[in-house]
Structure formats: structure tokens, C-alpha cells
Amino acid sequence: MTDKSFGMWAGLAVDNTAEAVATGHIYSETTGKYATMTKLMRNALMGITILGFAVYYARKGLAKSITHKGKFLWEKFPKFVIGFILFTILASIRFENGYVFLAQDQVKAFSNLYKWAFMLTFAGVGLSTKIKDMKGTGFKPFVVGITTELGVGLFTLILIYGLTYSGIL
């Protein structure tokens, strides 16, 4: 797969953001960028989709147990999306006199900080896994999870290959 195709596949198929970004960066730096962008777009669009479902269920009267809907939505909203959008805007500002809001070396410093933060987050996810908490749940959740993951991975792989061979990617 090309860097672009693999990055998009990693961003779509790998569930957690940290793991998707790490998967992309293991393949190559360029792939890591595509995986990051694809994953962040997926996460942002997922928030819109979830908001749509929340509004639908609220209108149908199925969300009666939630008293403060705005607070509930804010708590569930992935706030890193706001930071990502804000940083993108700040890094893109160019004034008429050629002045930039963030210089290239500042953007690079933030980029390095972001990579280290994601690596630490990725390590934290793995280090916080407690096998004993999984005992007693039975085999069914594992089968459902692995089947779902394989299905998503296969579906997105077929999608990416189809888009690549059709010339869209």
C-alpha cells in the first residue's frame, strides 16, 4: 500500500486514536500524518453523528434520564478536536506583511510535543490494562469484539483498495 492508502486505512480501521497514529508512524512519517488526519476527521464526524442520534432520541422522548442535555453533550464531546482546530487555525494565519502567528520552528516544536504526548498516551493505554478486570466476563465479549474489529478492518481495507484502484486516492 502507498503511504496515503495505509495511513487512511489505519485512521479508519484502528479504533483508538493513539493506536491509529502509532500504527501510521510505524509505517512511515508520511503515513503517520495521513493516519492522524483521517482519524481526527473520523472522530470529528463521529461527534456530529452522535449529536444527531442524541437529538433524535431526545425528540422521541427516549432520553428522559438526562436532565442537563447541554452539559451531557459537552462532557461527551472529544475536546481535543477543539485544540486541533485552534492549533490548525493559528498555524495557518498569514498576515499581509508576511508575518505569521506561529513561526515554522514553533510549529515544529509543537509537532514534536504532540508526537511525544501521543507516544506517552499510547504507552499509558497499554500499561493501564488490567487482565483481572476482564475475568468473569466470559468468552462472548471477546468474540464480539474481535469479530467487529476484523469486520471493520476488512471493510475499510476493501474500501481503500477500491478507492485506490479507481483513481480517487
N, C-alpha and C. Protein backbone atom coordinates (compact mmCIF):
# COMPACT_ATOMS: atom_id res chain seq x y z
N MET A 1 0.84 -1.18 0.00
CA MET A 1 0.00 0.00 0.00
C MET A 1 0.88 1.24 0.00
N THR A 2 0.37 2.30 -0.58
CA THR A 2 1.09 3.57 -0.54
C THR A 2 0.99 4.16 0.86
N ASP A 3 1.82 5.15 1.14
CA ASP A 3 1.76 5.82 2.44
C ASP A 3 0.36 6.38 2.69
N LYS A 4 -0.19 7.01 1.67
CA LYS A 4 -1.51 7.62 1.80
C LYS A 4 -2.58 6.56 2.07
N SER A 5 -2.58 5.48 1.30
CA SER A 5 -3.59 4.43 1.46
C SER A 5 -3.48 3.77 2.83
N PHE A 6 -2.26 3.42 3.24
CA PHE A 6 -2.10 2.76 4.53
C PHE A 6 -2.48 3.69 5.67
N GLY A 7 -2.10 4.97 5.56
CA GLY A 7 -2.45 5.94 6.59
C GLY A 7 -3.96 6.10 6.73
N MET A 8 -4.65 6.18 5.61
CA MET A 8 -6.10 6.31 5.65
C MET A 8 -6.73 5.04 6.21
N TRP A 9 -6.20 3.89 5.84
CA TRP A 9 -6.73 2.64 6.36
C TRP A 9 -6.52 2.56 7.88
N ALA A 10 -5.32 2.91 8.34
CA ALA A 10 -5.05 2.88 9.78
C ALA A 10 -5.98 3.84 10.52
N GLY A 11 -6.20 5.02 9.97
CA GLY A 11 -7.08 6.00 10.59
C GLY A 11 -8.53 5.55 10.66
N LEU A 12 -8.95 4.76 9.68
CA LEU A 12 -10.33 4.27 9.65
C LEU A 12 -10.52 2.97 10.42
N ALA A 13 -9.54 2.09 10.35
CA ALA A 13 -9.73 0.73 10.87
C ALA A 13 -9.33 0.56 12.33
N VAL A 14 -8.36 1.32 12.79
CA VAL A 14 -7.89 1.17 14.17
C VAL A 14 -8.77 2.02 15.08
N ASP A 15 -9.34 1.40 16.11
CA ASP A 15 -10.33 2.08 16.96
C ASP A 15 -9.82 3.31 17.68
N ASN A 16 -8.79 3.18 18.45
CA ASN A 16 -8.33 4.27 19.30
C ASN A 16 -7.36 5.18 18.55
N THR A 17 -7.47 6.47 18.85
CA THR A 17 -6.66 7.47 18.16
C THR A 17 -5.17 7.22 18.36
N ALA A 18 -4.76 6.98 19.58
CA ALA A 18 -3.33 6.78 19.85
C ALA A 18 -2.78 5.59 19.07
N GLU A 19 -3.52 4.50 19.04
CA GLU A 19 -3.07 3.31 18.32
C GLU A 19 -3.06 3.55 16.80
N ALA A 20 -4.05 4.29 16.29
CA ALA A 20 -4.09 4.58 14.86
C ALA A 20 -2.90 5.43 14.44
N VAL A 21 -2.59 6.44 15.25
CA VAL A 21 -1.45 7.31 14.95
C VAL A 21 -0.14 6.53 15.05
N ALA A 22 -0.01 5.71 16.08
CA ALA A 22 1.21 4.91 16.24
C ALA A 22 1.36 3.94 15.08
N THR A 23 0.28 3.32 14.66
CA THR A 23 0.33 2.39 13.52
C THR A 23 0.82 3.10 12.27
N GLY A 24 0.29 4.28 12.02
CA GLY A 24 0.72 5.05 10.86
C GLY A 24 2.19 5.43 10.93
N HIS A 25 2.64 5.90 12.09
CA HIS A 25 4.03 6.34 12.23
C HIS A 25 5.02 5.17 12.17
N ILE A 26 4.57 3.98 12.53
CA ILE A 26 5.46 2.82 12.41
C ILE A 26 5.75 2.54 10.94
N TYR A 27 4.75 2.76 10.08
CA TYR A 27 4.90 2.51 8.65
C TYR A 27 5.82 3.55 8.02
N SER A 28 5.54 4.83 8.28
CA SER A 28 6.40 5.93 7.82
C SER A 28 5.89 7.24 8.40
N GLU A 29 6.71 8.27 8.33
CA GLU A 29 6.32 9.59 8.82
C GLU A 29 5.12 10.14 8.04
N THR A 30 5.15 10.00 6.74
CA THR A 30 4.05 10.47 5.90
C THR A 30 2.77 9.70 6.20
N THR A 31 2.89 8.40 6.36
CA THR A 31 1.73 7.57 6.68
C THR A 31 1.15 7.99 8.02
N GLY A 32 2.01 8.31 8.98
CA GLY A 32 1.55 8.77 10.29
C GLY A 32 0.70 10.04 10.18
N LYS A 33 1.10 10.93 9.28
CA LYS A 33 0.33 12.16 9.08
C LYS A 33 -1.04 11.86 8.48
N TYR A 34 -1.07 10.96 7.50
CA TYR A 34 -2.37 10.58 6.91
C TYR A 34 -3.25 9.86 7.93
N ALA A 35 -2.65 8.99 8.73
CA ALA A 35 -3.42 8.26 9.75
C ALA A 35 -3.99 9.24 10.77
N THR A 36 -3.17 10.20 11.18
CA THR A 36 -3.61 11.20 12.16
C THR A 36 -4.77 12.02 11.60
N MET A 37 -4.62 12.54 10.41
CA MET A 37 -5.67 13.37 9.82
C MET A 37 -6.95 12.57 9.60
N THR A 38 -6.82 11.36 9.10
CA THR A 38 -8.01 10.53 8.87
C THR A 38 -8.71 10.22 10.17
N LYS A 39 -7.93 9.87 11.20
CA LYS A 39 -8.53 9.53 12.49
C LYS A 39 -9.21 10.73 13.12
N LEU A 40 -8.56 11.90 13.05
CA LEU A 40 -9.16 13.09 13.62
C LEU A 40 -10.44 13.49 12.89
N MET A 41 -10.44 13.34 11.57
CA MET A 41 -11.66 13.62 10.81
C MET A 41 -12.76 12.63 11.17
N ARG A 42 -12.39 11.37 11.30
CA ARG A 42 -13.38 10.35 11.69
C ARG A 42 -13.95 10.66 13.06
N ASN A 43 -13.08 11.04 14.00
CA ASN A 43 -13.54 11.38 15.34
C ASN A 43 -14.47 12.60 15.33
N ALA A 44 -14.09 13.62 14.56
CA ALA A 44 -14.91 14.82 14.49
C ALA A 44 -16.28 14.51 13.88
N LEU A 45 -16.29 13.72 12.82
CA LEU A 45 -17.56 13.36 12.18
C LEU A 45 -18.37 12.43 13.07
N MET A 46 -17.69 11.61 13.84
CA MET A 46 -18.39 10.72 14.76
C MET A 46 -19.14 11.56 15.81
N GLY A 47 -18.53 12.65 16.26
CA GLY A 47 -19.18 13.53 17.21
C GLY A 47 -20.45 14.12 16.64
N ILE A 48 -20.42 14.51 15.38
CA ILE A 48 -21.60 15.05 14.71
C ILE A 48 -22.68 13.97 14.60
N THR A 49 -22.27 12.77 14.25
CA THR A 49 -23.22 11.65 14.14
C THR A 49 -23.86 11.35 15.49
N ILE A 50 -23.05 11.30 16.53
CA ILE A 50 -23.57 11.03 17.88
C ILE A 50 -24.51 12.14 18.31
N LEU A 51 -24.15 13.38 18.00
CA LEU A 51 -25.02 14.50 18.32
C LEU A 51 -26.37 14.35 17.61
N GLY A 52 -26.33 13.94 16.35
CA GLY A 52 -27.56 13.69 15.60
C GLY A 52 -28.43 12.64 16.26
N PHE A 53 -27.82 11.54 16.69
CA PHE A 53 -28.58 10.49 17.39
C PHE A 53 -29.14 11.01 18.71
N ALA A 54 -28.34 11.81 19.43
CA ALA A 54 -28.80 12.36 20.71
C ALA A 54 -30.02 13.24 20.51
N VAL A 55 -29.98 14.09 19.49
CA VAL A 55 -31.13 14.96 19.20
C VAL A 55 -32.34 14.12 18.82
N TYR A 56 -32.13 13.11 17.99
CA TYR A 56 -33.22 12.23 17.58
C TYR A 56 -33.88 11.56 18.78
N TYR A 57 -33.06 10.98 19.66
CA TYR A 57 -33.61 10.28 20.83
C TYR A 57 -34.25 11.26 21.81
N ALA A 58 -33.70 12.47 21.92
CA ALA A 58 -34.30 13.48 22.80
C ALA A 58 -35.68 13.88 22.28
N ARG A 59 -35.81 14.04 20.97
CA ARG A 59 -37.11 14.41 20.37
C ARG A 59 -38.13 13.30 20.51
N LYS A 60 -37.66 12.06 20.51
CA LYS A 60 -38.57 10.92 20.65
C LYS A 60 -38.92 10.66 22.12
N GLY A 61 -38.29 11.43 23.02
CA GLY A 61 -38.56 11.25 24.45
C GLY A 61 -37.85 10.06 25.06
N LEU A 62 -36.80 9.57 24.39
CA LEU A 62 -36.10 8.38 24.87
C LEU A 62 -34.91 8.72 25.78
N ALA A 63 -34.67 10.01 25.99
CA ALA A 63 -33.52 10.42 26.82
C ALA A 63 -34.00 11.14 28.08
N LYS A 64 -35.05 10.65 28.68
CA LYS A 64 -35.65 11.30 29.85
C LYS A 64 -34.73 11.31 31.06
N SER A 65 -33.83 10.35 31.16
CA SER A 65 -32.95 10.28 32.33
C SER A 65 -31.86 11.34 32.32
N ILE A 66 -31.65 12.00 31.20
CA ILE A 66 -30.63 13.04 31.10
C ILE A 66 -31.31 14.39 31.34
N THR A 67 -30.98 15.02 32.47
CA THR A 67 -31.65 16.26 32.84
C THR A 67 -30.99 17.49 32.22
N HIS A 68 -29.68 17.51 32.16
CA HIS A 68 -28.94 18.63 31.59
C HIS A 68 -28.30 18.19 30.28
N LYS A 69 -29.04 18.28 29.20
CA LYS A 69 -28.58 17.76 27.91
C LYS A 69 -27.33 18.48 27.39
N GLY A 70 -27.27 19.79 27.55
CA GLY A 70 -26.09 20.55 27.11
C GLY A 70 -24.83 20.12 27.86
N LYS A 71 -24.95 19.97 29.17
CA LYS A 71 -23.82 19.52 29.99
C LYS A 71 -23.41 18.10 29.58
N PHE A 72 -24.39 17.25 29.37
CA PHE A 72 -24.12 15.87 28.96
C PHE A 72 -23.35 15.84 27.63
N LEU A 73 -23.82 16.63 26.65
CA LEU A 73 -23.14 16.67 25.35
C LEU A 73 -21.72 17.22 25.47
N TRP A 74 -21.53 18.26 26.29
CA TRP A 74 -20.20 18.83 26.47
C TRP A 74 -19.25 17.82 27.11
N GLU A 75 -19.74 17.05 28.07
CA GLU A 75 -18.91 16.04 28.72
C GLU A 75 -18.50 14.94 27.75
N LYS A 76 -19.35 14.60 26.81
CA LYS A 76 -19.08 13.53 25.85
C LYS A 76 -18.30 14.00 24.63
N PHE A 77 -18.30 15.30 24.37
CA PHE A 77 -17.64 15.83 23.19
C PHE A 77 -16.12 15.66 23.30
N PRO A 78 -15.45 15.15 22.23
CA PRO A 78 -13.98 14.99 22.28
C PRO A 78 -13.30 16.36 22.18
N LYS A 79 -12.90 16.91 23.31
CA LYS A 79 -12.39 18.28 23.37
C LYS A 79 -11.07 18.48 22.65
N PHE A 80 -10.32 17.41 22.40
CA PHE A 80 -9.07 17.56 21.67
C PHE A 80 -9.34 18.08 20.26
N VAL A 81 -10.55 17.87 19.74
CA VAL A 81 -10.90 18.36 18.41
C VAL A 81 -10.84 19.89 18.40
N ILE A 82 -11.28 20.52 19.48
CA ILE A 82 -11.22 21.99 19.58
C ILE A 82 -9.77 22.45 19.54
N GLY A 83 -8.91 21.78 20.31
CA GLY A 83 -7.49 22.13 20.30
C GLY A 83 -6.86 21.93 18.93
N PHE A 84 -7.22 20.85 18.27
CA PHE A 84 -6.69 20.57 16.94
C PHE A 84 -7.10 21.67 15.96
N ILE A 85 -8.36 22.05 15.99
CA ILE A 85 -8.86 23.10 15.08
C ILE A 85 -8.20 24.43 15.40
N LEU A 86 -8.10 24.77 16.70
CA LEU A 86 -7.48 26.02 17.11
C LEU A 86 -6.01 26.08 16.67
N PHE A 87 -5.27 25.01 16.90
CA PHE A 87 -3.86 24.99 16.50
C PHE A 87 -3.73 25.09 14.98
N THR A 88 -4.58 24.42 14.24
CA THR A 88 -4.55 24.49 12.78
C THR A 88 -4.80 25.91 12.31
N ILE A 89 -5.76 26.58 12.94
CA ILE A 89 -6.04 27.98 12.56
C ILE A 89 -4.84 28.87 12.88
N LEU A 90 -4.29 28.73 14.10
CA LEU A 90 -3.14 29.56 14.49
C LEU A 90 -1.93 29.31 13.61
N ALA A 91 -1.71 28.06 13.24
CA ALA A 91 -0.55 27.73 12.39
C ALA A 91 -0.76 28.18 10.95
N SER A 92 -2.00 28.48 10.57
CA SER A 92 -2.31 28.86 9.19
C SER A 92 -2.42 30.37 8.99
N ILE A 93 -2.44 31.14 10.05
CA ILE A 93 -2.63 32.59 9.93
C ILE A 93 -1.41 33.22 9.28
N ARG A 94 -1.67 33.95 8.21
CA ARG A 94 -0.63 34.70 7.49
C ARG A 94 -1.14 36.13 7.31
N PHE A 95 -0.34 37.10 7.72
CA PHE A 95 -0.72 38.50 7.61
C PHE A 95 -0.17 39.08 6.31
N GLU A 96 -0.71 40.25 5.92
CA GLU A 96 -0.29 40.88 4.66
C GLU A 96 1.20 41.20 4.62
N ASN A 97 1.78 41.55 5.76
CA ASN A 97 3.20 41.91 5.79
C ASN A 97 4.12 40.68 5.85
N GLY A 98 3.53 39.48 5.71
CA GLY A 98 4.33 38.26 5.73
C GLY A 98 4.49 37.66 7.11
N TYR A 99 4.03 38.36 8.13
CA TYR A 99 4.12 37.87 9.50
C TYR A 99 3.19 36.67 9.67
N VAL A 100 3.66 35.69 10.41
CA VAL A 100 2.84 34.51 10.71
C VAL A 100 2.57 34.48 12.21
N PHE A 101 1.45 33.91 12.61
CA PHE A 101 1.11 33.83 14.02
C PHE A 101 2.06 32.86 14.74
N LEU A 102 2.33 31.72 14.12
CA LEU A 102 3.28 30.75 14.65
C LEU A 102 4.37 30.53 13.60
N ALA A 103 5.62 30.76 14.00
CA ALA A 103 6.74 30.54 13.09
C ALA A 103 6.93 29.03 12.86
N GLN A 104 7.62 28.70 11.79
CA GLN A 104 7.82 27.30 11.42
C GLN A 104 8.51 26.51 12.53
N ASP A 105 9.49 27.12 13.21
CA ASP A 105 10.16 26.39 14.29
C ASP A 105 9.23 26.18 15.49
N GLN A 106 8.29 27.09 15.70
CA GLN A 106 7.30 26.89 16.77
C GLN A 106 6.34 25.75 16.41
N VAL A 107 5.93 25.72 15.15
CA VAL A 107 5.05 24.64 14.70
C VAL A 107 5.76 23.31 14.84
N LYS A 108 7.05 23.27 14.49
CA LYS A 108 7.83 22.04 14.61
C LYS A 108 7.97 21.62 16.07
N ALA A 109 8.17 22.58 16.96
CA ALA A 109 8.28 22.27 18.40
C ALA A 109 6.97 21.68 18.91
N PHE A 110 5.83 22.27 18.51
CA PHE A 110 4.53 21.73 18.90
C PHE A 110 4.32 20.34 18.31
N SER A 111 4.79 20.15 17.10
CA SER A 111 4.66 18.85 16.45
C SER A 111 5.44 17.79 17.22
N ASN A 112 6.64 18.13 17.66
CA ASN A 112 7.43 17.18 18.46
C ASN A 112 6.76 16.90 19.80
N LEU A 113 6.20 17.94 20.43
CA LEU A 113 5.48 17.76 21.69
C LEU A 113 4.29 16.83 21.49
N TYR A 114 3.58 17.04 20.39
CA TYR A 114 2.41 16.22 20.06
C TYR A 114 2.80 14.75 19.88
N LYS A 115 3.92 14.49 19.20
CA LYS A 115 4.36 13.11 18.99
C LYS A 115 4.71 12.43 20.31
N TRP A 116 5.41 13.16 21.18
CA TRP A 116 5.76 12.58 22.49
C TRP A 116 4.51 12.35 23.32
N ALA A 117 3.58 13.29 23.27
CA ALA A 117 2.33 13.13 24.05
C ALA A 117 1.56 11.91 23.57
N PHE A 118 1.50 11.70 22.25
CA PHE A 118 0.79 10.53 21.74
C PHE A 118 1.50 9.24 22.12
N MET A 119 2.83 9.25 22.09
CA MET A 119 3.55 8.04 22.49
C MET A 119 3.30 7.72 23.96
N LEU A 120 3.31 8.74 24.81
CA LEU A 120 3.04 8.52 26.23
C LEU A 120 1.60 8.05 26.45
N THR A 121 0.67 8.62 25.70
CA THR A 121 -0.72 8.19 25.80
C THR A 121 -0.87 6.74 25.37
N PHE A 122 -0.22 6.40 24.28
CA PHE A 122 -0.27 5.03 23.76
C PHE A 122 0.29 4.05 24.80
N ALA A 123 1.42 4.42 25.40
CA ALA A 123 2.00 3.56 26.44
C ALA A 123 1.07 3.46 27.64
N GLY A 124 0.45 4.59 28.00
CA GLY A 124 -0.47 4.59 29.13
C GLY A 124 -1.67 3.69 28.93
N VAL A 125 -2.18 3.64 27.72
CA VAL A 125 -3.32 2.76 27.43
C VAL A 125 -2.92 1.31 27.69
N GLY A 126 -1.77 0.92 27.19
CA GLY A 126 -1.32 -0.46 27.39
C GLY A 126 -0.98 -0.76 28.83
N LEU A 127 -0.34 0.17 29.52
CA LEU A 127 0.06 -0.05 30.91
C LEU A 127 -1.12 -0.05 31.88
N SER A 128 -2.24 0.56 31.47
CA SER A 128 -3.40 0.61 32.37
C SER A 128 -4.35 -0.56 32.19
N THR A 129 -4.05 -1.45 31.26
CA THR A 129 -4.90 -2.62 31.04
C THR A 129 -4.74 -3.58 32.22
N LYS A 130 -5.88 -3.98 32.80
CA LYS A 130 -5.86 -4.89 33.94
C LYS A 130 -6.58 -6.18 33.54
N ILE A 131 -5.80 -7.23 33.36
CA ILE A 131 -6.35 -8.52 32.94
C ILE A 131 -7.37 -9.03 33.95
N LYS A 132 -7.11 -8.80 35.24
CA LYS A 132 -8.03 -9.30 36.27
C LYS A 132 -9.43 -8.68 36.14
N ASP A 133 -9.52 -7.44 35.61
CA ASP A 133 -10.82 -6.82 35.41
C ASP A 133 -11.60 -7.48 34.28
N MET A 134 -10.91 -8.21 33.44
CA MET A 134 -11.56 -8.89 32.31
C MET A 134 -12.08 -10.27 32.68
N LYS A 135 -11.61 -10.80 33.80
CA LYS A 135 -12.05 -12.14 34.22
C LYS A 135 -13.52 -12.10 34.61
N GLY A 136 -14.21 -13.18 34.34
CA GLY A 136 -15.61 -13.29 34.72
C GLY A 136 -16.58 -12.74 33.70
N THR A 137 -16.06 -12.15 32.63
CA THR A 137 -16.96 -11.60 31.61
C THR A 137 -17.33 -12.65 30.57
N GLY A 138 -16.61 -13.74 30.57
CA GLY A 138 -16.91 -14.80 29.62
C GLY A 138 -16.20 -14.59 28.29
N PHE A 139 -16.45 -15.51 27.39
CA PHE A 139 -15.78 -15.51 26.10
C PHE A 139 -16.54 -14.70 25.05
N LYS A 140 -17.84 -14.52 25.26
CA LYS A 140 -18.68 -13.85 24.28
C LYS A 140 -18.23 -12.41 23.96
N PRO A 141 -17.92 -11.56 24.94
CA PRO A 141 -17.46 -10.20 24.62
C PRO A 141 -16.20 -10.19 23.75
N PHE A 142 -15.29 -11.14 24.01
CA PHE A 142 -14.08 -11.24 23.21
C PHE A 142 -14.42 -11.58 21.77
N VAL A 143 -15.30 -12.54 21.56
CA VAL A 143 -15.70 -12.97 20.21
C VAL A 143 -16.39 -11.81 19.49
N VAL A 144 -17.29 -11.12 20.18
CA VAL A 144 -17.99 -9.98 19.56
C VAL A 144 -16.97 -8.90 19.18
N GLY A 145 -16.06 -8.59 20.09
CA GLY A 145 -15.06 -7.56 19.83
C GLY A 145 -14.14 -7.90 18.67
N ILE A 146 -13.61 -9.11 18.67
CA ILE A 146 -12.67 -9.49 17.61
C ILE A 146 -13.38 -9.60 16.27
N THR A 147 -14.62 -10.06 16.27
CA THR A 147 -15.39 -10.15 15.03
C THR A 147 -15.67 -8.75 14.48
N THR A 148 -16.04 -7.84 15.35
CA THR A 148 -16.30 -6.46 14.93
C THR A 148 -15.04 -5.82 14.38
N GLU A 149 -13.92 -5.97 15.08
CA GLU A 149 -12.66 -5.38 14.63
C GLU A 149 -12.23 -5.94 13.28
N LEU A 150 -12.34 -7.24 13.11
CA LEU A 150 -11.99 -7.85 11.83
C LEU A 150 -12.91 -7.36 10.72
N GLY A 151 -14.19 -7.23 11.03
CA GLY A 151 -15.15 -6.73 10.04
C GLY A 151 -14.85 -5.31 9.62
N VAL A 152 -14.59 -4.43 10.59
CA VAL A 152 -14.26 -3.03 10.28
C VAL A 152 -12.96 -2.96 9.48
N GLY A 153 -11.95 -3.72 9.92
CA GLY A 153 -10.66 -3.72 9.22
C GLY A 153 -10.79 -4.19 7.79
N LEU A 154 -11.52 -5.27 7.58
CA LEU A 154 -11.71 -5.80 6.24
C LEU A 154 -12.53 -4.86 5.36
N PHE A 155 -13.62 -4.33 5.91
CA PHE A 155 -14.47 -3.41 5.14
C PHE A 155 -13.68 -2.18 4.70
N THR A 156 -12.94 -1.57 5.65
CA THR A 156 -12.18 -0.37 5.29
C THR A 156 -11.02 -0.69 4.35
N LEU A 157 -10.43 -1.87 4.47
CA LEU A 157 -9.37 -2.27 3.55
C LEU A 157 -9.92 -2.39 2.13
N ILE A 158 -11.06 -3.03 2.00
CA ILE A 158 -11.70 -3.14 0.67
C ILE A 158 -12.04 -1.75 0.14
N LEU A 159 -12.56 -0.87 1.01
CA LEU A 159 -12.89 0.49 0.61
C LEU A 159 -11.66 1.24 0.11
N ILE A 160 -10.57 1.17 0.86
CA ILE A 160 -9.34 1.88 0.48
C ILE A 160 -8.78 1.33 -0.83
N TYR A 161 -8.73 0.00 -0.96
CA TYR A 161 -8.25 -0.59 -2.21
C TYR A 161 -9.15 -0.18 -3.39
N GLY A 162 -10.45 -0.18 -3.18
CA GLY A 162 -11.37 0.22 -4.23
C GLY A 162 -11.15 1.67 -4.65
N LEU A 163 -10.97 2.55 -3.67
CA LEU A 163 -10.74 3.97 -3.98
C LEU A 163 -9.38 4.16 -4.64
N THR A 164 -8.39 3.37 -4.23
CA THR A 164 -7.06 3.48 -4.82
C THR A 164 -7.06 3.03 -6.28
N TYR A 165 -7.66 1.88 -6.54
CA TYR A 165 -7.67 1.35 -7.92
C TYR A 165 -8.60 2.11 -8.83
N SER A 166 -9.58 2.81 -8.28
CA SER A 166 -10.48 3.62 -9.11
C SER A 166 -9.85 4.96 -9.44
N GLY A 167 -8.73 5.27 -8.80
CA GLY A 167 -8.02 6.52 -9.08
C GLY A 167 -8.45 7.68 -8.20
N ILE A 168 -9.37 7.44 -7.29
CA ILE A 168 -9.83 8.51 -6.40
C ILE A 168 -8.75 8.87 -5.39
N LEU A 169 -8.04 7.85 -4.89
CA LEU A 169 -6.94 8.12 -3.95
C LEU A 169 -5.62 8.11 -4.67
